[in-house]
Amino acid sequence: MTRRSFNIFTPILLSGIFIIGLLLILPSSCKTEEAISSPAISKVIPAKIDFNFHVKPILSDRCFVCHGPDANTREAGLRFDIKEGAFAALGDAKDHYAIISKDSKNSTLVQRIFTENEEDVMPPTESNLTLTNYEREVLKKWIEQGAEWKEHWSFLPIKNSKIPKVENGKINNCLLYTSPSPRDRG
């Protein structure tokens, strides 16, 4: 008598693999915002870049190692963890800036993340950190949109929301959340 290798979980596992494959392969045809193409995955650049949601995670993951709060590891006197440091004049002559609001061409940050010169590229090759095309474009677009710096969300003032109207003595809980995402509610 031979033992069957088929069990009840095999069809479920195969279905899951098939669905994941479809999600990775099928192109998204409903995008209304700018998309960055890459061989593997295409990400959509948001119409409005939010510092806390889009920019700060990139800076903290890729830049804080050398340009963050630790004075012992900080390079070139540049800080991206505080607004004053990110917008400060750089160099001995104090004649250039990492971030110039609405001027991505002259912002050193944009020049350094897009350069093909391995000696000037940021993050440096030896750091083993890289920026994706999506991350580069997000940083560039943020600067072009005015480089609005926001404090951590927990330090922002609380915004009052509209109280939903009660109809027929019942509250529809769906009305309590008018935004698609909790972070969009402020």
Protein backbone atom coordinates (compact mmCIF):
# COMPACT_ATOMS: atom_id res chain seq x y z
CA MET A 1 0.00 0.00 0.00
CA THR A 2 1.47 3.39 -1.00
CA ARG A 3 1.04 6.51 1.03
CA ARG A 4 -0.59 9.52 -0.60
CA SER A 5 1.47 12.73 -0.44
CA PHE A 6 -1.59 14.86 -1.08
CA ASN A 7 -3.15 16.55 1.92
CA ILE A 8 -5.95 19.02 2.42
CA PHE A 9 -3.62 22.04 2.57
CA THR A 10 -2.06 21.52 -0.87
CA PRO A 11 -4.88 23.20 -2.87
CA ILE A 12 -4.95 26.12 -0.43
CA LEU A 13 -1.19 26.58 -0.68
CA LEU A 14 -1.24 26.40 -4.48
CA SER A 15 -4.13 28.89 -4.66
CA GLY A 16 -2.25 31.31 -2.42
CA ILE A 17 0.90 31.08 -4.54
CA PHE A 18 -1.17 31.65 -7.69
CA ILE A 19 -2.88 34.74 -6.24
CA ILE A 20 0.40 36.25 -5.03
CA GLY A 21 1.89 35.64 -8.47
CA LEU A 22 -1.01 37.44 -10.13
CA LEU A 23 -0.72 40.41 -7.79
CA LEU A 24 2.98 40.76 -8.58
CA ILE A 25 2.64 40.28 -12.33
CA LEU A 26 -0.54 42.15 -13.27
CA PRO A 27 0.07 45.81 -14.05
CA SER A 28 -2.05 48.41 -12.35
CA SER A 29 -4.04 50.21 -15.02
CA CYS A 30 -6.00 52.50 -12.69
CA LYS A 31 -3.14 54.72 -11.53
CA THR A 32 -3.96 58.40 -11.64
CA GLU A 33 -0.68 59.61 -10.17
CA GLU A 34 2.87 59.62 -11.52
CA ALA A 35 4.49 56.18 -11.52
CA ILE A 36 8.14 55.20 -11.36
CA SER A 37 9.00 52.22 -13.53
CA SER A 38 11.37 49.53 -12.37
CA PRO A 39 11.93 46.06 -13.74
CA ALA A 40 10.27 44.37 -10.77
CA ILE A 41 7.67 46.67 -9.21
CA SER A 42 6.17 50.01 -10.12
CA LYS A 43 5.35 52.39 -7.25
CA VAL A 44 3.14 55.43 -7.52
CA ILE A 45 4.57 58.79 -6.52
CA PRO A 46 1.89 60.54 -4.44
CA ALA A 47 0.42 63.77 -5.81
CA LYS A 48 1.18 65.53 -2.49
CA ILE A 49 4.28 64.45 -0.60
CA ASP A 50 3.85 64.42 3.18
CA PHE A 51 7.03 64.85 5.22
CA ASN A 52 6.08 62.52 8.09
CA PHE A 53 4.59 59.83 5.91
CA HIS A 54 6.85 59.83 2.83
CA VAL A 55 10.09 61.73 3.47
CA LYS A 56 11.04 61.15 7.10
CA PRO A 57 11.07 57.33 6.77
CA ILE A 58 13.51 57.62 3.84
CA LEU A 59 15.75 60.04 5.70
CA SER A 60 15.73 57.99 8.89
CA ASP A 61 16.39 54.68 7.11
CA ARG A 62 19.01 55.87 4.64
CA CYS A 63 20.51 59.14 5.94
CA PHE A 64 20.42 59.29 9.75
CA VAL A 65 23.36 56.89 10.04
CA CYS A 66 25.69 59.69 8.91
CA HIS A 67 23.43 62.76 9.14
CA GLY A 68 21.32 62.08 12.21
CA PRO A 69 21.20 62.88 15.92
CA ASP A 70 24.46 61.14 16.91
CA ALA A 71 27.20 63.80 16.89
CA ASN A 72 29.89 61.08 16.99
CA THR A 73 28.85 59.62 13.63
CA ARG A 74 27.68 62.80 11.91
CA GLU A 75 29.38 63.62 8.60
CA ALA A 76 29.94 67.06 7.02
CA GLY A 77 28.05 68.79 9.85
CA LEU A 78 24.79 67.94 8.10
CA ARG A 79 21.71 66.85 10.04
CA PHE A 80 18.47 65.54 8.60
CA ASP A 81 16.83 64.82 11.95
CA ILE A 82 16.04 68.48 12.70
CA LYS A 83 14.75 71.23 10.42
CA GLU A 84 17.48 73.73 11.29
CA GLY A 85 20.17 71.22 10.31
CA ALA A 86 18.49 70.14 7.08
CA PHE A 87 18.09 73.72 5.82
CA ALA A 88 21.42 75.08 7.15
CA ALA A 89 24.15 76.52 4.91
CA LEU A 90 26.90 74.00 4.17
CA GLY A 91 30.60 74.05 3.40
CA ASP A 92 33.41 76.28 4.60
CA ALA A 93 32.03 79.22 2.63
CA LYS A 94 28.44 78.43 3.70
CA ASP A 95 27.50 78.84 0.05
CA HIS A 96 25.32 75.82 -0.62
CA TYR A 97 22.38 74.03 0.99
CA ALA A 98 21.24 70.41 1.15
CA ILE A 99 17.61 71.46 0.79
CA ILE A 100 16.43 74.58 -0.99
CA SER A 101 12.66 74.86 -0.92
CA LYS A 102 11.12 74.66 -4.43
CA ASP A 103 14.60 74.43 -6.03
CA SER A 104 15.56 70.80 -6.62
CA LYS A 105 18.19 71.74 -9.22
CA ASN A 106 20.32 73.62 -6.69
CA SER A 107 19.56 71.43 -3.66
CA THR A 108 22.69 69.47 -2.84
CA LEU A 109 20.57 66.58 -1.56
CA VAL A 110 19.01 66.08 -5.01
CA GLN A 111 22.34 66.53 -6.78
CA ARG A 112 24.01 63.91 -4.56
CA ILE A 113 21.24 61.27 -4.70
CA PHE A 114 20.99 61.48 -8.50
CA THR A 115 24.69 61.72 -9.38
CA GLU A 116 26.39 58.83 -11.13
CA ASN A 117 29.79 59.82 -9.71
CA GLU A 118 30.57 57.14 -7.12
CA GLU A 119 32.66 59.57 -5.04
CA ASP A 120 29.75 61.99 -4.63
CA VAL A 121 26.70 59.71 -4.56
CA MET A 122 24.59 59.57 -1.40
CA PRO A 123 24.27 57.32 0.42
CA PRO A 124 27.90 56.36 -0.21
CA THR A 125 28.57 52.99 -1.78
CA GLU A 126 30.56 51.75 1.24
CA SER A 127 27.55 52.31 3.53
CA ASN A 128 25.72 49.44 1.78
CA LEU A 129 22.62 51.66 1.75
CA THR A 130 20.87 52.59 -1.46
CA LEU A 131 17.92 54.68 -2.51
CA THR A 132 15.40 53.27 -4.94
CA ASN A 133 14.26 55.37 -7.90
CA TYR A 134 10.96 55.80 -6.08
CA GLU A 135 12.70 57.20 -2.97
CA ARG A 136 14.85 59.57 -5.04
CA GLU A 137 11.78 60.89 -6.86
CA VAL A 138 9.84 61.32 -3.60
CA LEU A 139 12.66 63.43 -2.11
CA LYS A 140 12.97 65.48 -5.29
CA LYS A 141 9.21 66.08 -5.53
CA TRP A 142 9.02 67.00 -1.84
CA ILE A 143 11.64 69.72 -2.40
CA GLU A 144 9.86 70.91 -5.57
CA GLN A 145 6.61 71.17 -3.60
CA GLY A 146 8.24 73.45 -1.03
CA ALA A 147 9.98 71.00 1.34
CA GLU A 148 7.36 71.44 4.06
CA TRP A 149 8.88 70.14 7.30
CA LYS A 150 6.49 68.82 9.91
CA GLU A 151 7.08 67.96 13.51
CA HIS A 152 6.37 64.44 14.65
CA TRP A 153 2.61 63.80 14.47
CA SER A 154 2.41 63.49 18.26
CA PHE A 155 3.50 67.14 18.60
CA LEU A 156 0.96 68.48 16.11
CA PRO A 157 -2.23 70.09 17.45
CA ILE A 158 -5.31 67.93 17.53
CA LYS A 159 -7.82 68.78 14.84
CA ASN A 160 -11.50 68.63 15.63
CA SER A 161 -13.59 66.43 13.38
CA LYS A 162 -17.17 66.95 12.36
CA ILE A 163 -19.66 65.17 14.55
CA PRO A 164 -21.85 62.90 12.41
CA LYS A 165 -25.55 63.61 12.18
CA VAL A 166 -27.81 61.09 13.83
CA GLU A 167 -30.61 59.81 11.64
CA ASN A 168 -33.48 57.68 12.95
CA GLY A 169 -31.84 57.53 16.36
CA LYS A 170 -28.90 55.45 15.04
CA ILE A 171 -25.27 56.37 14.49
CA ASN A 172 -23.54 54.86 11.50
CA ASN A 173 -19.98 54.22 12.74
CA CYS A 174 -18.72 54.46 9.18
CA LEU A 175 -19.53 58.17 9.28
CA LEU A 176 -17.06 58.69 12.12
CA TYR A 177 -14.15 58.12 9.75
CA THR A 178 -14.38 60.30 6.69
CA SER A 179 -10.77 59.72 5.63
CA PRO A 180 -9.50 56.51 4.00
CA SER A 181 -6.53 56.30 6.35
CA PRO A 182 -6.09 57.04 10.08
CA ARG A 183 -2.91 59.01 9.38
CA ASP A 184 -4.84 61.31 7.01
CA ARG A 185 -7.15 62.34 9.85
CA GLY A 186 -4.36 64.22 11.65
